[in-house]
Amino acid sequence: MPDPFFANSKGQKRRRGPSNVNAKNKKPRTGTGTSKNQNQPPAKRRRRDEELDSDGTQDDDNVGGGGLDDLDLRHSDSDAGASGEEDEHETPAEKRLRLAKLYIDSLKKDIGEGEVDAAEIDKEILSVRLKQDVQESSGKLSIFIADKLNTSTYSKLRVKGHKLSVTCAVASEDGTMLFTAGKEGGIVKWDLLTGKELARFPKLRKDTKDRKGKGRADPAVEIKGHTDEVLALALSSDGKYLASGGRDRLVCIWDAQKGEWLRAFGGHRDAISSLSFRKDSLQLYSASFDRTIRLFDLAAMGYVETLFGHQDCIQDMDTLRAETAVSVGGRDRTVRYWKVPEESQLVFRGGRGTAQEILENGLDEEPDAASSSQTFVEGSLDCVAMIDETSFVSGGDSGSICLWSTAKKKPVFTLPLAHGLHEHHSETEGIVLEPRWISALACLRYADVVVSGSSDGFIRLWKVDSKLRSLTACGSIPCPGVVNSLRVVSPRSFFSGASWLSTDAPAVNGRSATHLTLKGLGLVAGVGQEPKFGRWRRLKGDGVSNCAFVFAVPLRAAEQ
């Protein structure tokens, strides 16, 4: 009997679109990374059914990335002729030096003129940016700031522009734009520096009559927007494209800078629950309640392929730099790690608290609300986030946060009752204690910070052990309501010039936080009175509203 940990892609349906894949010439897909040497014979495809070694580990050489040699130094914004014509007599070292100079020039352009007037400060920011890029290219945990965060002196921005619960909120990596979406079907663009509304994309009415007044829609009329609840947003790394999806089963692509509708992709048969751009590329993943994941390439504005495997509605999904993704399948209680080029997937069966474990081990005879060792049945996995290319965390209705590694079948670490217990009155059983669901998870890319949200009124921050073996609490931030969405903004692009930052917040090199990039962490939360995917619960009370929060968490003064 095959091991249930591994999913055999044989026999599974796979569809590839002709938009940007030339099957005859076997050309690689756009944006798939560094191409192989054409003079070398093609490597033998690895078996689709991934297997562990006898010691419980697997070869991760093809996962993530390499060192400096694997880092693509060509900036995406540079045109084709910026690097000059290729010289056939150019040595590899000379080519590497030329590309490095182009990359440094692009970083200087990103930093911008007028923000930094001192040459030494300019060199410092540039060196930090280069170091972080090289570390991230390795695909491993390399940024350690959890112990340096000061959650007691955070600054907060609150924006309110939706009548119903905010389902998702995303911010641009340069810290200038914020997009929010709500259950009423609208999308709002905000200026992240001032908190002012810049544009609004309201829900459109789907005309059910043709031009003659008969009861059918006119197929010649293209609806440029959403006609139902918007449940997912994603912003490309360069801030050029905004992708949105929801219950109308469409993936809409917008020009994020101009706020204009570009086009829509169909294909999903049910609501779209999650969207994610592959880091530093224009590859877009969409997950749906129809149990599939579809891959699009916005460089060619085309569909690429569909991934199959989940047995229930896909609730959440996440991606990083490599051509991999992780997703959770709700009540099929699986986390799936997708290896797109190899056409394979790893299947992880839901963490702690399965019914079998309850029957074998039993529950505590007298449940204690303060006990963190109590086990609850895990009926659904609802959210997931990647730490690095081989490690990720998941959460669900058992209230536990599980830390996973692609090298092991079971969770490396399980944090029970991360947001405590909820009391409610039952007419038959009296006071009943239930764990608060983990409704949202986010990670700072390749860093030791995990952020979780629920309905207890707090966003909680967790430190990941340097060896990726445990999670420990490192702070919390008040946030009333149901946290439906969480995003973490990179420290190197942290709200330069934001007017809402606290005046006593420490800044780089002693300058005012409103004039120079602040060192720290940015959290973006979409909050509502109701859960993202339903109306089975409604919170009321002081401060509970349908809005989005942006928190600026600085480093301690000694770490600045």
Protein backbone atom coordinates (compact mmCIF):
# COMPACT_ATOMS: atom_id res chain seq x y z
CA MET A 1 0.00 0.00 0.00
CA PRO A 2 1.54 3.36 -0.96
CA ASP A 3 2.44 5.85 1.73
CA PRO A 4 -0.39 8.44 2.03
CA PHE A 5 2.23 11.15 2.57
CA PHE A 6 2.98 11.25 -1.13
CA ALA A 7 0.55 11.98 -3.93
CA ASN A 8 1.05 10.18 -7.20
CA SER A 9 0.44 12.57 -10.06
CA LYS A 10 -0.11 9.61 -12.41
CA GLY A 11 -3.73 9.33 -13.36
CA GLN A 12 -4.47 12.87 -12.26
CA LYS A 13 -5.80 15.30 -14.83
CA ARG A 14 -3.53 18.14 -15.85
CA ARG A 15 -4.40 20.82 -18.36
CA ARG A 16 -1.91 23.14 -19.94
CA GLY A 17 -2.93 26.24 -21.82
CA PRO A 18 -1.43 27.20 -25.16
CA SER A 19 -1.08 30.85 -24.19
CA ASN A 20 2.64 30.91 -23.48
CA VAL A 21 3.86 27.32 -23.70
CA ASN A 22 5.21 26.02 -27.01
CA ALA A 23 4.82 22.27 -26.69
CA LYS A 24 6.57 21.50 -29.97
CA ASN A 25 9.70 23.48 -29.31
CA LYS A 26 9.74 22.65 -25.59
CA LYS A 27 10.40 26.24 -24.63
CA PRO A 28 10.44 27.03 -20.89
CA ARG A 29 7.62 29.02 -19.36
CA THR A 30 8.13 32.72 -18.86
CA GLY A 31 9.70 33.65 -15.54
CA THR A 32 10.62 30.13 -14.43
CA GLY A 33 14.11 31.05 -13.28
CA THR A 34 17.62 30.48 -14.61
CA SER A 35 17.73 28.42 -17.80
CA LYS A 36 19.92 25.36 -18.09
CA ASN A 37 22.98 25.04 -20.32
CA GLN A 38 21.78 24.00 -23.73
CA ASN A 39 24.95 22.01 -24.41
CA GLN A 40 24.32 19.65 -21.53
CA PRO A 41 22.04 16.62 -21.99
CA PRO A 42 18.65 16.97 -20.31
CA ALA A 43 18.55 15.65 -16.77
CA LYS A 44 16.41 12.62 -16.07
CA ARG A 45 13.06 13.59 -14.58
CA ARG A 46 12.74 12.67 -10.95
CA ARG A 47 10.06 10.23 -10.02
CA ARG A 48 6.69 11.86 -9.60
CA ASP A 49 6.10 10.07 -6.35
CA GLU A 50 8.51 11.76 -3.92
CA GLU A 51 10.09 9.39 -1.39
CA LEU A 52 11.87 9.91 1.89
CA ASP A 53 15.19 8.36 2.76
CA SER A 54 15.38 5.84 5.56
CA ASP A 55 16.28 8.58 8.04
CA GLY A 56 13.11 10.52 7.27
CA THR A 57 14.73 13.24 5.16
CA GLN A 58 14.70 14.05 1.50
CA ASP A 59 16.97 15.74 -0.99
CA ASP A 60 16.14 19.44 -1.02
CA ASP A 61 18.79 20.49 -3.50
CA ASN A 62 16.20 21.36 -6.10
CA VAL A 63 14.00 23.28 -3.68
CA GLY A 64 14.55 26.97 -3.11
CA GLY A 65 17.72 28.34 -4.64
CA GLY A 66 21.46 28.46 -4.47
CA GLY A 67 23.92 31.09 -3.50
CA LEU A 68 25.09 34.27 -5.18
CA ASP A 69 25.67 32.55 -8.51
CA ASP A 70 21.98 31.61 -8.69
CA LEU A 71 20.77 35.17 -8.06
CA ASP A 72 19.39 36.84 -11.16
CA LEU A 73 21.03 40.26 -11.07
CA ARG A 74 19.07 41.64 -13.97
CA HIS A 75 16.44 44.07 -12.78
CA SER A 76 12.95 43.57 -14.16
CA ASP A 77 12.54 47.24 -15.06
CA SER A 78 15.68 47.50 -17.17
CA ASP A 79 15.08 47.38 -20.90
CA ALA A 80 16.67 44.90 -23.26
CA GLY A 81 19.37 47.26 -24.50
CA ALA A 82 20.38 48.68 -21.12
CA SER A 83 23.14 46.12 -20.64
CA GLY A 84 24.58 46.63 -24.10
CA GLU A 85 24.99 44.06 -26.81
CA GLU A 86 26.24 40.62 -25.86
CA ASP A 87 29.95 40.32 -26.55
CA GLU A 88 30.96 36.87 -27.69
CA HIS A 89 34.48 37.52 -26.36
CA GLU A 90 33.21 38.54 -22.92
CA THR A 91 34.39 36.25 -20.15
CA PRO A 92 31.94 34.92 -17.53
CA ALA A 93 33.57 37.13 -14.88
CA GLU A 94 33.17 40.23 -17.05
CA LYS A 95 29.55 39.40 -17.75
CA ARG A 96 28.87 38.88 -14.04
CA LEU A 97 30.48 42.25 -13.26
CA ARG A 98 28.42 44.01 -15.94
CA LEU A 99 25.16 42.53 -14.67
CA ALA A 100 26.09 43.38 -11.08
CA LYS A 101 26.62 47.02 -12.02
CA LEU A 102 23.22 47.09 -13.72
CA TYR A 103 21.62 45.59 -10.63
CA ILE A 104 23.24 48.13 -8.30
CA ASP A 105 22.11 50.97 -10.58
CA SER A 106 18.54 49.64 -10.41
CA LEU A 107 18.70 49.52 -6.60
CA LYS A 108 19.87 53.13 -6.51
CA LYS A 109 16.91 54.04 -8.68
CA ASP A 110 14.55 52.20 -6.30
CA ILE A 111 15.96 54.07 -3.29
CA GLY A 112 15.06 57.31 -5.05
CA GLU A 113 16.54 60.76 -5.20
CA GLY A 114 15.98 63.30 -2.46
CA GLU A 115 15.18 60.78 0.27
CA VAL A 116 18.82 60.26 1.27
CA ASP A 117 21.26 63.13 1.01
CA ALA A 118 24.29 61.57 2.68
CA ALA A 119 26.62 59.29 0.74
CA GLU A 120 27.38 57.11 3.77
CA ILE A 121 23.68 56.51 4.45
CA ASP A 122 23.19 55.68 0.79
CA LYS A 123 25.94 53.08 0.93
CA GLU A 124 24.51 51.59 4.12
CA ILE A 125 21.02 51.15 2.67
CA LEU A 126 22.44 49.76 -0.55
CA SER A 127 24.61 47.20 1.25
CA VAL A 128 21.69 46.04 3.40
CA ARG A 129 19.52 45.65 0.30
CA LEU A 130 22.19 43.59 -1.48
CA LYS A 131 22.73 41.39 1.57
CA GLN A 132 19.00 40.68 1.95
CA ASP A 133 18.62 39.84 -1.74
CA VAL A 134 21.49 37.35 -1.60
CA GLN A 135 20.10 35.76 1.57
CA GLU A 136 16.60 35.45 0.14
CA SER A 137 17.98 33.84 -3.02
CA SER A 138 19.22 30.93 -0.89
CA GLY A 139 15.60 30.05 -0.04
CA LYS A 140 16.42 29.47 3.64
CA LEU A 141 15.60 31.22 6.90
CA SER A 142 18.13 34.04 7.09
CA ILE A 143 16.53 37.10 8.78
CA PHE A 144 16.32 37.15 12.59
CA ILE A 145 14.43 40.13 14.03
CA ALA A 146 11.78 38.57 16.30
CA ASP A 147 13.74 39.32 19.49
CA LYS A 148 14.32 42.92 18.37
CA LEU A 149 10.69 43.95 17.84
CA ASN A 150 9.10 46.39 20.28
CA THR A 151 5.35 45.68 20.19
CA SER A 152 4.62 48.23 22.94
CA THR A 153 5.44 51.31 20.81
CA TYR A 154 3.70 50.50 17.55
CA SER A 155 1.95 53.06 15.34
CA LYS A 156 -1.47 52.34 13.84
CA LEU A 157 -3.41 53.38 10.75
CA ARG A 158 -7.11 52.51 10.48
CA VAL A 159 -8.99 52.81 7.20
CA LYS A 160 -12.70 52.22 6.87
CA GLY A 161 -14.37 52.09 3.48
CA HIS A 162 -16.51 48.93 3.41
CA LYS A 163 -20.06 48.34 4.58
CA LEU A 164 -19.50 44.65 5.26
CA SER A 165 -16.56 42.62 6.59
CA VAL A 166 -13.15 43.25 5.04
CA THR A 167 -12.09 39.93 3.52
CA CYS A 168 -8.54 40.81 2.46
CA ALA A 169 -5.99 43.62 2.49
CA VAL A 170 -2.61 43.87 0.72
CA ALA A 171 0.12 46.52 0.67
CA SER A 172 2.77 47.21 -1.95
CA GLU A 173 6.34 46.27 -1.13
CA ASP A 174 7.47 49.90 -1.44
CA GLY A 175 5.04 50.85 1.34
CA THR A 176 3.01 53.40 -0.64
CA MET A 177 -0.24 51.64 -1.67
CA LEU A 178 -2.88 49.68 0.21
CA PHE A 179 -5.79 47.73 -1.31
CA THR A 180 -8.76 46.38 0.63
CA ALA A 181 -11.78 44.31 -0.43
CA GLY A 182 -15.07 43.54 1.29
CA LYS A 183 -18.04 41.24 1.20
CA GLU A 184 -20.13 43.90 -0.52
CA GLY A 185 -17.99 43.29 -3.63
CA GLY A 186 -15.96 46.50 -3.71
CA ILE A 187 -12.21 47.19 -3.80
CA VAL A 188 -10.66 50.38 -2.39
CA LYS A 189 -7.19 51.76 -3.07
CA TRP A 190 -5.57 53.79 -0.28
CA ASP A 191 -2.52 55.99 0.06
CA LEU A 192 -0.53 54.11 2.68
CA LEU A 193 1.46 57.23 3.63
CA THR A 194 -1.55 59.42 4.45
CA GLY A 195 -4.45 56.98 4.86
CA LYS A 196 -6.54 58.77 2.20
CA GLU A 197 -8.74 56.96 -0.29
CA LEU A 198 -7.37 57.16 -3.84
CA ALA A 199 -9.78 55.07 -5.91
CA ARG A 200 -12.77 52.78 -5.55
CA PHE A 201 -13.82 49.83 -7.71
CA PRO A 202 -17.44 49.15 -6.70
CA LYS A 203 -19.41 45.98 -7.25
CA LEU A 204 -20.95 45.96 -10.70
CA ARG A 205 -24.47 44.92 -11.54
CA LYS A 206 -24.64 41.89 -13.79
CA ASP A 207 -27.17 42.66 -16.48
CA THR A 208 -29.45 39.65 -16.95
CA LYS A 209 -31.18 41.03 -20.03
CA ASP A 210 -30.00 41.46 -23.58
CA ARG A 211 -30.38 44.58 -25.67
CA LYS A 212 -33.95 43.62 -26.64
CA GLY A 213 -35.02 43.24 -23.03
CA LYS A 214 -35.18 39.46 -23.04
CA GLY A 215 -34.14 37.47 -19.98
CA ARG A 216 -30.55 36.62 -20.80
CA ALA A 217 -27.24 38.43 -20.61
CA ASP A 218 -25.66 39.94 -23.69
CA PRO A 219 -22.41 38.00 -24.31
CA ALA A 220 -20.99 40.92 -26.26
CA VAL A 221 -20.95 43.11 -23.15
CA GLU A 222 -17.86 42.46 -21.03
CA ILE A 223 -18.18 43.26 -17.34
CA LYS A 224 -15.08 45.11 -16.20
CA GLY A 225 -15.05 44.23 -12.54
CA HIS A 226 -16.67 41.96 -9.94
CA THR A 227 -20.35 41.20 -9.57
CA ASP A 228 -20.22 39.41 -6.20
CA GLU A 229 -18.15 39.19 -3.00
CA VAL A 230 -14.41 39.76 -3.40
CA LEU A 231 -12.55 37.22 -1.27
CA ALA A 232 -8.90 37.46 -2.36
CA LEU A 233 -6.35 40.07 -3.42
CA ALA A 234 -2.72 39.79 -4.54
CA LEU A 235 -0.21 42.44 -5.59
CA SER A 236 2.81 41.72 -7.78
CA SER A 237 6.28 42.37 -6.36
CA ASP A 238 6.86 45.33 -8.68
CA GLY A 239 3.52 46.86 -7.69
CA LYS A 240 2.33 46.90 -11.31
CA TYR A 241 -0.55 44.41 -11.21
CA LEU A 242 -3.37 43.83 -8.73
CA ALA A 243 -5.24 40.52 -8.95
CA SER A 244 -8.64 40.00 -7.34
CA GLY A 245 -11.03 37.06 -7.12
CA GLY A 246 -14.26 36.09 -5.42
CA ARG A 247 -17.61 34.38 -5.67
CA ASP A 248 -18.17 35.38 -9.29
CA ARG A 249 -15.41 32.84 -10.17
CA LEU A 250 -13.33 35.40 -12.07
CA VAL A 251 -9.70 36.42 -11.60
CA CYS A 252 -9.63 40.12 -12.46
CA ILE A 253 -6.35 41.85 -13.33
CA TRP A 254 -5.98 45.58 -12.63
CA ASP A 255 -3.33 48.20 -13.29
CA ALA A 256 -2.41 48.93 -9.68
CA GLN A 257 -0.83 52.31 -10.43
CA LYS A 258 -3.59 53.72 -12.63
CA GLY A 259 -6.46 51.83 -11.02
CA GLU A 260 -7.69 50.55 -14.38
CA TRP A 261 -9.24 47.19 -15.24
CA LEU A 262 -7.13 45.18 -17.70
CA ARG A 263 -8.76 41.78 -18.20
CA ALA A 264 -10.34 38.79 -16.47
CA PHE A 265 -9.56 35.07 -16.43
CA GLY A 266 -12.26 32.43 -16.13
CA GLY A 267 -12.01 28.69 -15.71
CA HIS A 268 -12.80 28.11 -12.05
CA ARG A 269 -16.13 26.45 -11.32
CA ASP A 270 -16.59 27.86 -7.84
CA ALA A 271 -15.58 30.81 -5.68
CA ILE A 272 -11.92 31.89 -5.68
CA SER A 273 -10.59 31.77 -2.13
CA SER A 274 -6.93 32.78 -2.43
CA LEU A 275 -4.50 34.49 -4.83
CA SER A 276 -0.72 34.69 -4.67
CA PHE A 277 2.02 36.06 -6.92
CA ARG A 278 5.29 34.19 -7.09
CA LYS A 279 7.90 36.53 -5.64
CA ASP A 280 9.76 38.72 -8.15
CA SER A 281 7.78 37.35 -11.08
CA LEU A 282 4.46 37.74 -12.85
CA GLN A 283 3.31 34.18 -12.25
CA LEU A 284 -0.05 34.18 -10.46
CA TYR A 285 -1.62 31.25 -8.57
CA SER A 286 -5.37 31.13 -7.88
CA ALA A 287 -7.05 28.67 -5.48
CA SER A 288 -10.73 27.88 -5.52
CA PHE A 289 -13.55 26.06 -3.78
CA ASP A 290 -13.64 23.83 -6.88
CA ARG A 291 -10.58 22.06 -5.35
CA THR A 292 -8.13 23.21 -8.03
CA ILE A 293 -5.24 25.65 -8.35
CA ARG A 294 -4.74 27.47 -11.64
CA LEU A 295 -1.50 29.11 -12.79
CA PHE A 296 -1.40 32.23 -14.97
CA ASP A 297 1.48 34.18 -16.50
CA LEU A 298 0.75 37.90 -16.64
CA ALA A 299 3.84 38.57 -18.75
CA ALA A 300 1.95 36.92 -21.60
CA MET A 301 -1.51 37.49 -20.06
CA GLY A 302 -2.25 33.79 -20.48
CA TYR A 303 -3.31 30.65 -18.66
CA VAL A 304 -0.61 28.01 -18.02
CA GLU A 305 -1.97 24.96 -16.21
CA THR A 306 -4.26 23.51 -13.52
CA LEU A 307 -3.20 21.57 -10.41
CA PHE A 308 -5.44 18.84 -9.00
CA GLY A 309 -5.32 16.91 -5.73
CA HIS A 310 -7.44 18.39 -2.93
CA GLN A 311 -10.60 16.56 -1.92
CA ASP A 312 -12.37 19.59 -0.44
CA CYS A 313 -12.56 23.35 -0.90
CA ILE A 314 -9.13 25.02 -0.91
CA GLN A 315 -9.20 27.63 1.85
CA ASP A 316 -5.80 29.29 1.55
CA MET A 317 -2.54 29.20 -0.39
CA ASP A 318 0.92 30.80 -0.32
CA THR A 319 4.01 31.02 -2.54
CA LEU A 320 7.55 32.38 -2.40
CA ARG A 321 10.38 32.69 -4.93
CA ALA A 322 10.68 29.09 -6.19
CA GLU A 323 8.16 27.36 -8.47
CA THR A 324 6.40 25.79 -5.49
CA ALA A 325 3.25 26.52 -3.52
CA VAL A 326 1.47 25.30 -0.40
CA SER A 327 -2.29 25.05 0.07
CA VAL A 328 -4.78 23.79 2.65
CA GLY A 329 -7.92 21.87 1.74
CA GLY A 330 -10.37 22.68 4.49
CA ARG A 331 -12.11 19.52 5.66
CA ASP A 332 -9.89 17.14 3.73
CA ARG A 333 -7.43 18.14 6.51
CA THR A 334 -4.38 18.15 4.24
CA VAL A 335 -1.60 20.58 3.47
CA ARG A 336 -0.22 20.09 -0.02
CA TYR A 337 3.20 21.20 -1.16
CA TRP A 338 3.20 21.60 -4.94
CA LYS A 339 6.34 21.15 -7.05
CA VAL A 340 5.15 22.64 -10.31
CA PRO A 341 8.08 21.86 -12.68
CA GLU A 342 8.27 18.25 -11.44
CA GLU A 343 4.50 17.79 -11.66
CA SER A 344 4.34 16.32 -8.16
CA GLN A 345 3.03 17.15 -4.71
CA LEU A 346 3.69 16.25 -1.09
CA VAL A 347 0.64 15.59 1.07
CA PHE A 348 0.69 16.32 4.80
CA ARG A 349 -2.18 14.96 6.86
CA GLY A 350 -3.69 17.40 9.38
CA GLY A 351 -1.60 18.01 12.51
CA ARG A 352 -2.70 17.30 16.07
CA GLY A 353 -6.11 16.39 17.39
CA THR A 354 -7.47 13.85 14.92
CA ALA A 355 -10.44 11.70 15.94
CA GLN A 356 -8.23 8.61 16.07
CA GLU A 357 -5.84 10.26 18.52
CA ILE A 358 -8.79 11.33 20.68
CA LEU A 359 -10.09 7.75 20.85
CA GLU A 360 -6.65 6.30 21.57
CA ASN A 361 -5.38 8.84 24.09
CA GLY A 362 -8.57 10.39 25.44
CA LEU A 363 -9.18 13.96 26.59
CA ASP A 364 -8.51 15.43 30.00
CA GLU A 365 -11.24 14.41 32.42
CA GLU A 366 -11.67 17.97 33.67
CA PRO A 367 -10.84 20.49 30.90
CA ASP A 368 -9.10 23.56 32.20
CA ALA A 369 -9.41 26.85 30.31
CA ALA A 370 -5.85 27.75 31.26
CA SER A 371 -4.44 24.44 30.10
CA SER A 372 -2.44 24.64 26.87
CA SER A 373 -2.03 20.86 26.57
CA GLN A 374 -5.69 20.07 25.94
CA THR A 375 -6.35 18.46 22.55
CA PHE A 376 -9.34 19.22 20.34
CA VAL A 377 -10.56 17.49 17.22
CA GLU A 378 -9.17 19.15 14.12
CA GLY A 379 -11.98 19.25 11.60
CA SER A 380 -10.63 21.80 9.14
CA LEU A 381 -7.37 23.42 8.01
CA ASP A 382 -8.12 27.01 7.04
CA CYS A 383 -4.90 28.99 6.59
CA VAL A 384 -1.26 28.46 5.64
CA ALA A 385 1.87 30.59 5.22
CA MET A 386 5.40 29.84 4.01
CA ILE A 387 8.42 30.70 6.17
CA ASP A 388 11.01 29.70 3.59
CA GLU A 389 11.07 27.38 0.60
CA THR A 390 10.88 24.19 2.70
CA SER A 391 9.08 25.26 5.91
CA PHE A 392 5.56 26.55 6.53
CA VAL A 393 2.85 26.90 9.18
CA SER A 394 -0.83 25.99 9.14
CA GLY A 395 -3.85 26.72 11.33
CA GLY A 396 -7.47 25.70 11.62
CA ASP A 397 -10.49 25.12 13.82
CA SER A 398 -8.56 23.23 16.52
CA GLY A 399 -6.87 26.50 17.52
CA SER A 400 -3.41 25.01 16.97
CA ILE A 401 -0.59 26.37 14.81
CA CYS A 402 1.50 23.60 13.25
CA LEU A 403 5.05 24.04 11.99
CA TRP A 404 5.89 21.81 9.02
CA SER A 405 8.97 20.80 7.08
CA THR A 406 9.04 19.12 3.67
CA ALA A 407 11.42 16.54 5.16
CA LYS A 408 8.91 15.10 7.67
CA LYS A 409 5.43 13.63 7.48
CA LYS A 410 4.19 14.98 10.80
CA PRO A 411 4.39 18.52 12.18
CA VAL A 412 7.80 19.51 13.51
CA PHE A 413 6.06 21.45 16.27
CA THR A 414 2.45 22.06 17.34
CA LEU A 415 1.40 25.11 19.33
CA PRO A 416 -2.00 24.29 20.92
CA LEU A 417 -4.69 26.88 21.69
CA ALA A 418 -2.65 29.73 20.22
CA HIS A 419 -5.51 32.21 20.79
CA GLY A 420 -7.09 30.57 23.83
CA LEU A 421 -10.59 29.22 24.44
CA HIS A 422 -13.98 30.71 23.74
CA GLU A 423 -16.91 30.25 26.12
CA HIS A 424 -20.46 29.99 24.90
CA HIS A 425 -23.70 28.82 26.50
CA SER A 426 -25.47 25.67 25.34
CA GLU A 427 -29.06 24.99 26.37
CA THR A 428 -28.31 21.28 26.76
CA GLU A 429 -24.73 21.28 28.08
CA GLY A 430 -24.38 24.63 29.80
CA ILE A 431 -21.04 26.43 29.44
CA VAL A 432 -19.00 24.95 26.58
CA LEU A 433 -15.34 25.70 25.92
CA GLU A 434 -14.16 25.74 22.32
CA PRO A 435 -10.84 26.78 20.82
CA ARG A 436 -10.76 30.02 18.87
CA TRP A 437 -10.17 29.26 15.22
CA ILE A 438 -6.97 30.41 13.59
CA SER A 439 -8.47 32.58 10.87
CA ALA A 440 -5.30 34.07 9.32
CA LEU A 441 -1.56 33.43 9.20
CA ALA A 442 1.33 35.38 7.68
CA CYS A 443 5.13 35.21 7.74
CA LEU A 444 7.87 37.68 7.05
CA ARG A 445 9.62 36.11 4.07
CA TYR A 446 12.67 34.09 5.05
CA ALA A 447 12.50 35.53 8.60
CA ASP A 448 11.79 34.18 12.08
CA VAL A 449 8.47 36.00 12.54
CA VAL A 450 5.03 34.34 12.25
CA VAL A 451 1.84 36.35 12.76
CA SER A 452 -1.58 34.86 13.55
CA GLY A 453 -5.10 36.21 13.84
CA SER A 454 -8.37 34.97 15.31
CA SER A 455 -11.41 36.49 17.04
CA ASP A 456 -9.94 37.11 20.50
CA GLY A 457 -9.12 40.77 19.81
CA PHE A 458 -5.37 40.34 19.29
CA ILE A 459 -2.86 39.74 16.53
CA ARG A 460 -0.17 37.52 18.01
CA LEU A 461 3.48 37.41 16.99
CA TRP A 462 5.53 34.22 17.25
CA LYS A 463 9.26 33.63 17.04
CA VAL A 464 10.49 30.72 14.95
CA ASP A 465 13.48 28.87 16.36
CA SER A 466 16.64 29.33 14.26
CA LYS A 467 16.62 25.59 13.58
CA LEU A 468 12.92 25.65 12.64
CA ARG A 469 11.89 23.38 15.49
CA SER A 470 9.56 25.46 17.67
CA LEU A 471 7.36 28.55 18.03
CA THR A 472 7.40 30.89 21.03
CA ALA A 473 5.37 34.03 21.77
CA CYS A 474 7.12 37.34 21.19
CA GLY A 475 4.30 39.88 21.53
CA SER A 476 0.71 40.77 20.70
CA ILE A 477 -1.14 43.77 19.26
CA PRO A 478 -4.79 44.66 20.03
CA CYS A 479 -7.04 44.22 17.01
CA PRO A 480 -10.79 43.90 17.73
CA GLY A 481 -12.90 41.84 15.37
CA VAL A 482 -12.43 38.72 13.25
CA VAL A 483 -9.04 38.88 11.54
CA ASN A 484 -9.80 37.63 8.01
CA SER A 485 -6.50 38.55 6.36
CA LEU A 486 -2.90 39.17 7.40
CA ARG A 487 0.12 40.39 5.43
CA VAL A 488 3.62 41.33 6.53
CA VAL A 489 5.49 44.19 4.86
CA SER A 490 9.23 43.78 4.41
CA PRO A 491 11.36 45.90 6.79
CA ARG A 492 13.44 47.33 3.96
CA SER A 493 10.38 49.05 2.45
CA PHE A 494 8.82 50.38 5.59
CA PHE A 495 6.46 53.36 5.11
CA SER A 496 8.98 56.02 4.17
CA GLY A 497 7.34 59.40 4.79
CA ALA A 498 4.15 58.08 6.45
CA SER A 499 2.37 60.92 8.26
CA TRP A 500 0.60 58.58 10.73
CA LEU A 501 3.81 57.19 12.28
CA SER A 502 4.32 57.99 15.93
CA THR A 503 6.50 61.08 16.42
CA ASP A 504 8.56 59.32 19.08
CA ALA A 505 9.21 56.26 16.92
CA PRO A 506 12.95 55.68 16.41
CA ALA A 507 14.27 56.17 12.89
CA VAL A 508 17.37 55.29 10.90
CA ASN A 509 20.47 57.34 11.79
CA GLY A 510 18.53 59.59 14.14
CA ARG A 511 16.43 61.26 11.45
CA SER A 512 12.69 61.76 11.76
CA ALA A 513 10.56 58.74 10.93
CA THR A 514 8.49 60.91 8.59
CA HIS A 515 11.55 61.66 6.43
CA LEU A 516 13.37 58.35 6.23
CA THR A 517 12.53 54.68 6.14
CA LEU A 518 11.79 53.31 9.60
CA LYS A 519 13.43 50.08 10.69
CA GLY A 520 10.87 47.56 11.84
CA LEU A 521 7.93 45.45 10.73
CA GLY A 522 4.69 46.32 8.98
CA LEU A 523 1.47 44.34 9.54
CA VAL A 524 -1.62 44.69 7.35
CA ALA A 525 -4.86 43.18 8.68
CA GLY A 526 -8.31 42.91 7.13
CA VAL A 527 -10.88 42.82 9.95
CA GLY A 528 -14.63 42.37 10.08
CA GLN A 529 -17.60 41.55 12.25
CA GLU A 530 -18.06 38.26 10.39
CA PRO A 531 -15.74 35.49 9.17
CA LYS A 532 -14.44 35.69 5.62
CA PHE A 533 -16.33 32.72 4.18
CA GLY A 534 -19.58 32.77 6.12
CA ARG A 535 -22.07 34.51 8.38
CA TRP A 536 -22.35 31.86 11.08
CA ARG A 537 -20.91 34.22 13.69
CA ARG A 538 -21.13 37.96 14.24
CA LEU A 539 -19.06 39.94 16.74
CA LYS A 540 -20.35 43.06 18.42
CA GLY A 541 -18.73 45.33 20.93
CA ASP A 542 -16.50 48.33 21.41
CA GLY A 543 -14.10 48.87 18.54
CA VAL A 544 -15.39 45.98 16.40
CA SER A 545 -15.96 47.26 12.87
CA ASN A 546 -15.40 46.41 9.23
CA CYS A 547 -12.05 48.00 8.48
CA ALA A 548 -8.36 47.43 7.79
CA PHE A 549 -5.47 48.12 10.15
CA VAL A 550 -1.85 48.85 9.33
CA PHE A 551 0.59 48.49 12.23
CA ALA A 552 4.15 49.80 12.21
CA VAL A 553 6.14 47.81 14.77
CA PRO A 554 9.62 49.33 15.27
CA LEU A 555 12.75 47.68 16.53
CA ARG A 556 13.97 48.44 20.01
CA ALA A 557 16.02 51.64 20.26
CA ALA A 558 19.18 49.65 20.97
CA GLU A 559 18.73 47.72 17.71
CA GLN A 560 18.24 50.76 15.47
